[in-house]
């Protein structure tokens, strides 16, 4: 069964969840991760953004590696 996913959205959701989980040392709730929760656009605090970026890169790369490895199965001719 093939499943179509948005890799950017998946990596972002995973990174956000991981960042929240690992940021108990600097914030007590998800709302504290953002500069202004009442703004139209949510923006992470600087330290949270740095942590998010690291996890986003990790998850994006991991998902792409799996996707590319699976794609190679269909194009390898023996």
N, C-alpha and C. Protein backbone atom coordinates (compact mmCIF):
# COMPACT_ATOMS: atom_id res chain seq x y z
N UNK A 1 0.84 -1.17 0.00
CA UNK A 1 0.00 0.00 0.00
C UNK A 1 0.90 1.24 0.00
N UNK A 2 0.64 2.15 -0.90
CA UNK A 2 1.38 3.40 -0.97
C UNK A 2 0.64 4.47 -0.18
N UNK A 3 1.40 5.25 0.54
CA UNK A 3 0.84 6.34 1.32
C UNK A 3 1.56 7.62 0.91
N UNK A 4 0.80 8.62 0.59
CA UNK A 4 1.37 9.91 0.21
C UNK A 4 1.45 10.78 1.45
N UNK A 5 2.67 11.29 1.74
CA UNK A 5 2.83 12.16 2.90
C UNK A 5 3.52 13.44 2.48
N UNK A 6 3.29 14.48 3.25
CA UNK A 6 3.99 15.73 3.07
C UNK A 6 5.21 15.67 4.00
N UNK A 7 6.38 15.49 3.43
CA UNK A 7 7.59 15.27 4.22
C UNK A 7 7.90 16.48 5.10
N UNK A 8 7.70 17.66 4.58
CA UNK A 8 7.99 18.88 5.35
C UNK A 8 7.06 18.97 6.56
N UNK A 9 5.78 18.70 6.34
CA UNK A 9 4.82 18.77 7.44
C UNK A 9 5.10 17.69 8.50
N UNK A 10 5.41 16.49 8.04
CA UNK A 10 5.72 15.40 8.97
C UNK A 10 6.96 15.72 9.79
N UNK A 11 8.02 16.17 9.13
CA UNK A 11 9.26 16.52 9.84
C UNK A 11 9.01 17.66 10.83
N UNK A 12 8.20 18.63 10.43
CA UNK A 12 7.88 19.76 11.31
C UNK A 12 7.10 19.31 12.54
N UNK A 13 6.10 18.47 12.34
CA UNK A 13 5.30 17.98 13.46
C UNK A 13 6.14 17.15 14.43
N UNK A 14 6.98 16.27 13.88
CA UNK A 14 7.84 15.46 14.73
C UNK A 14 8.84 16.32 15.49
N UNK A 15 9.43 17.30 14.81
CA UNK A 15 10.40 18.18 15.45
C UNK A 15 9.74 19.02 16.54
N UNK A 16 8.54 19.51 16.29
CA UNK A 16 7.84 20.30 17.30
C UNK A 16 7.58 19.46 18.55
N UNK A 17 7.08 18.27 18.35
CA UNK A 17 6.76 17.39 19.48
C UNK A 17 8.02 17.05 20.27
N UNK A 18 9.10 16.73 19.56
CA UNK A 18 10.36 16.39 20.24
C UNK A 18 10.93 17.60 20.97
N UNK A 19 10.84 18.76 20.37
CA UNK A 19 11.33 19.99 21.00
C UNK A 19 10.55 20.28 22.28
N UNK A 20 9.24 20.15 22.21
CA UNK A 20 8.41 20.37 23.40
C UNK A 20 8.79 19.39 24.50
N UNK A 21 8.94 18.12 24.13
CA UNK A 21 9.28 17.08 25.09
C UNK A 21 10.61 17.35 25.78
N UNK A 22 11.58 17.85 25.03
CA UNK A 22 12.92 18.05 25.58
C UNK A 22 13.18 19.45 26.11
N UNK A 23 12.17 20.28 26.17
CA UNK A 23 12.39 21.67 26.59
C UNK A 23 11.78 22.00 27.95
N UNK A 24 11.55 21.00 28.74
CA UNK A 24 11.02 21.22 30.07
C UNK A 24 11.95 22.04 30.95
N UNK A 25 13.22 22.11 30.56
CA UNK A 25 14.17 22.89 31.35
C UNK A 25 14.00 24.39 31.16
N UNK A 26 13.35 24.80 30.05
CA UNK A 26 13.19 26.24 29.80
C UNK A 26 11.74 26.67 29.63
N UNK A 27 10.82 25.72 29.52
CA UNK A 27 9.40 26.11 29.43
C UNK A 27 8.54 25.03 30.07
N UNK A 28 7.48 25.47 30.71
CA UNK A 28 6.59 24.55 31.42
C UNK A 28 5.37 24.14 30.59
N UNK A 29 5.11 24.89 29.53
CA UNK A 29 3.96 24.56 28.68
C UNK A 29 4.31 24.87 27.23
N UNK A 30 3.49 24.36 26.35
CA UNK A 30 3.70 24.60 24.93
C UNK A 30 3.61 26.09 24.59
N UNK A 31 2.73 26.81 25.27
CA UNK A 31 2.58 28.24 25.01
C UNK A 31 3.88 29.01 25.24
N UNK A 32 4.70 28.55 26.18
CA UNK A 32 5.95 29.24 26.49
C UNK A 32 7.02 29.06 25.42
N UNK A 33 6.75 28.20 24.45
CA UNK A 33 7.70 27.99 23.35
C UNK A 33 7.66 29.16 22.36
N UNK A 34 6.61 29.96 22.41
CA UNK A 34 6.39 30.99 21.41
C UNK A 34 6.59 32.39 21.97
N UNK A 35 7.00 33.32 21.11
CA UNK A 35 7.18 34.71 21.52
C UNK A 35 5.86 35.34 21.92
N UNK A 36 4.82 35.15 21.09
CA UNK A 36 3.51 35.74 21.36
C UNK A 36 2.44 34.79 20.84
N UNK A 37 1.77 34.10 21.74
CA UNK A 37 0.77 33.11 21.32
C UNK A 37 -0.48 33.75 20.75
N UNK A 38 -0.66 35.04 20.96
CA UNK A 38 -1.84 35.73 20.46
C UNK A 38 -1.63 36.34 19.08
N UNK A 39 -0.44 36.22 18.56
CA UNK A 39 -0.11 36.78 17.24
C UNK A 39 -0.73 35.92 16.14
N UNK A 40 -0.94 36.52 14.98
CA UNK A 40 -1.45 35.76 13.83
C UNK A 40 -0.45 34.71 13.36
N UNK A 41 0.82 35.02 13.52
CA UNK A 41 1.89 34.10 13.15
C UNK A 41 2.64 33.69 14.41
N UNK A 42 2.72 32.38 14.62
CA UNK A 42 3.44 31.92 15.81
C UNK A 42 4.93 31.82 15.49
N UNK A 43 5.74 32.35 16.41
CA UNK A 43 7.19 32.36 16.24
C UNK A 43 7.81 31.80 17.51
N UNK A 44 8.68 30.80 17.35
CA UNK A 44 9.37 30.23 18.49
C UNK A 44 10.32 31.25 19.12
N UNK A 45 10.59 31.06 20.42
CA UNK A 45 11.66 31.84 21.04
C UNK A 45 12.97 31.40 20.39
N UNK A 46 14.01 32.18 20.56
CA UNK A 46 15.28 31.88 19.88
C UNK A 46 15.85 30.52 20.27
N UNK A 47 15.87 30.21 21.55
CA UNK A 47 16.42 28.93 21.99
C UNK A 47 15.57 27.76 21.51
N UNK A 48 14.26 27.91 21.56
CA UNK A 48 13.37 26.86 21.07
C UNK A 48 13.56 26.68 19.56
N UNK A 49 13.70 27.78 18.83
CA UNK A 49 13.91 27.70 17.38
C UNK A 49 15.18 26.92 17.07
N UNK A 50 16.24 27.16 17.82
CA UNK A 50 17.50 26.42 17.61
C UNK A 50 17.31 24.93 17.83
N UNK A 51 16.60 24.59 18.90
CA UNK A 51 16.35 23.17 19.18
C UNK A 51 15.46 22.56 18.10
N UNK A 52 14.42 23.29 17.71
CA UNK A 52 13.52 22.82 16.66
C UNK A 52 14.30 22.57 15.37
N UNK A 53 15.16 23.50 14.98
CA UNK A 53 15.93 23.36 13.74
C UNK A 53 16.77 22.08 13.73
N UNK A 54 17.40 21.77 14.85
CA UNK A 54 18.20 20.56 14.93
C UNK A 54 17.35 19.32 14.71
N UNK A 55 16.20 19.28 15.39
CA UNK A 55 15.33 18.11 15.25
C UNK A 55 14.67 18.05 13.88
N UNK A 56 14.32 19.20 13.32
CA UNK A 56 13.73 19.22 11.99
C UNK A 56 14.72 18.63 10.98
N UNK A 57 15.97 19.07 11.03
CA UNK A 57 16.99 18.55 10.11
C UNK A 57 17.16 17.04 10.28
N UNK A 58 17.15 16.58 11.52
CA UNK A 58 17.28 15.15 11.80
C UNK A 58 16.12 14.37 11.19
N UNK A 59 14.90 14.80 11.47
CA UNK A 59 13.73 14.07 10.98
C UNK A 59 13.59 14.18 9.46
N UNK A 60 13.83 15.34 8.90
CA UNK A 60 13.72 15.50 7.46
C UNK A 60 14.71 14.57 6.75
N UNK A 61 15.95 14.56 7.21
CA UNK A 61 16.97 13.69 6.61
C UNK A 61 16.60 12.22 6.76
N UNK A 62 16.11 11.85 7.93
CA UNK A 62 15.73 10.45 8.16
C UNK A 62 14.59 10.02 7.24
N UNK A 63 13.60 10.86 7.11
CA UNK A 63 12.45 10.54 6.24
C UNK A 63 12.90 10.45 4.79
N UNK A 64 13.74 11.40 4.37
CA UNK A 64 14.23 11.38 2.99
C UNK A 64 15.06 10.13 2.71
N UNK A 65 15.89 9.72 3.67
CA UNK A 65 16.69 8.52 3.49
C UNK A 65 15.80 7.30 3.28
N UNK A 66 14.77 7.17 4.09
CA UNK A 66 13.84 6.05 3.96
C UNK A 66 13.12 6.13 2.61
N UNK A 67 12.67 7.32 2.26
CA UNK A 67 11.94 7.49 1.00
C UNK A 67 12.82 7.15 -0.20
N UNK A 68 14.05 7.61 -0.18
CA UNK A 68 14.96 7.33 -1.30
C UNK A 68 15.32 5.86 -1.38
N UNK A 69 15.53 5.23 -0.23
CA UNK A 69 15.85 3.81 -0.22
C UNK A 69 14.69 2.99 -0.76
N UNK A 70 13.47 3.35 -0.39
CA UNK A 70 12.30 2.64 -0.90
C UNK A 70 12.14 2.87 -2.40
N UNK A 71 12.40 4.08 -2.86
CA UNK A 71 12.28 4.39 -4.28
C UNK A 71 13.30 3.60 -5.10
N UNK A 72 14.48 3.39 -4.56
CA UNK A 72 15.52 2.66 -5.29
C UNK A 72 15.10 1.22 -5.59
N UNK A 73 14.28 0.63 -4.74
CA UNK A 73 13.82 -0.74 -4.95
C UNK A 73 13.09 -0.88 -6.29
N UNK A 74 12.40 0.17 -6.70
CA UNK A 74 11.59 0.10 -7.89
C UNK A 74 12.39 0.36 -9.16
N UNK A 75 13.60 0.89 -9.02
CA UNK A 75 14.38 1.26 -10.20
C UNK A 75 15.63 0.44 -10.40
N UNK A 76 15.89 -0.50 -9.50
CA UNK A 76 17.08 -1.34 -9.63
C UNK A 76 16.76 -2.51 -10.56
N UNK A 77 17.58 -2.63 -11.58
CA UNK A 77 17.40 -3.71 -12.53
C UNK A 77 18.56 -4.67 -12.36
N UNK A 78 18.23 -5.92 -12.10
CA UNK A 78 19.29 -6.91 -11.90
C UNK A 78 19.39 -7.83 -13.08
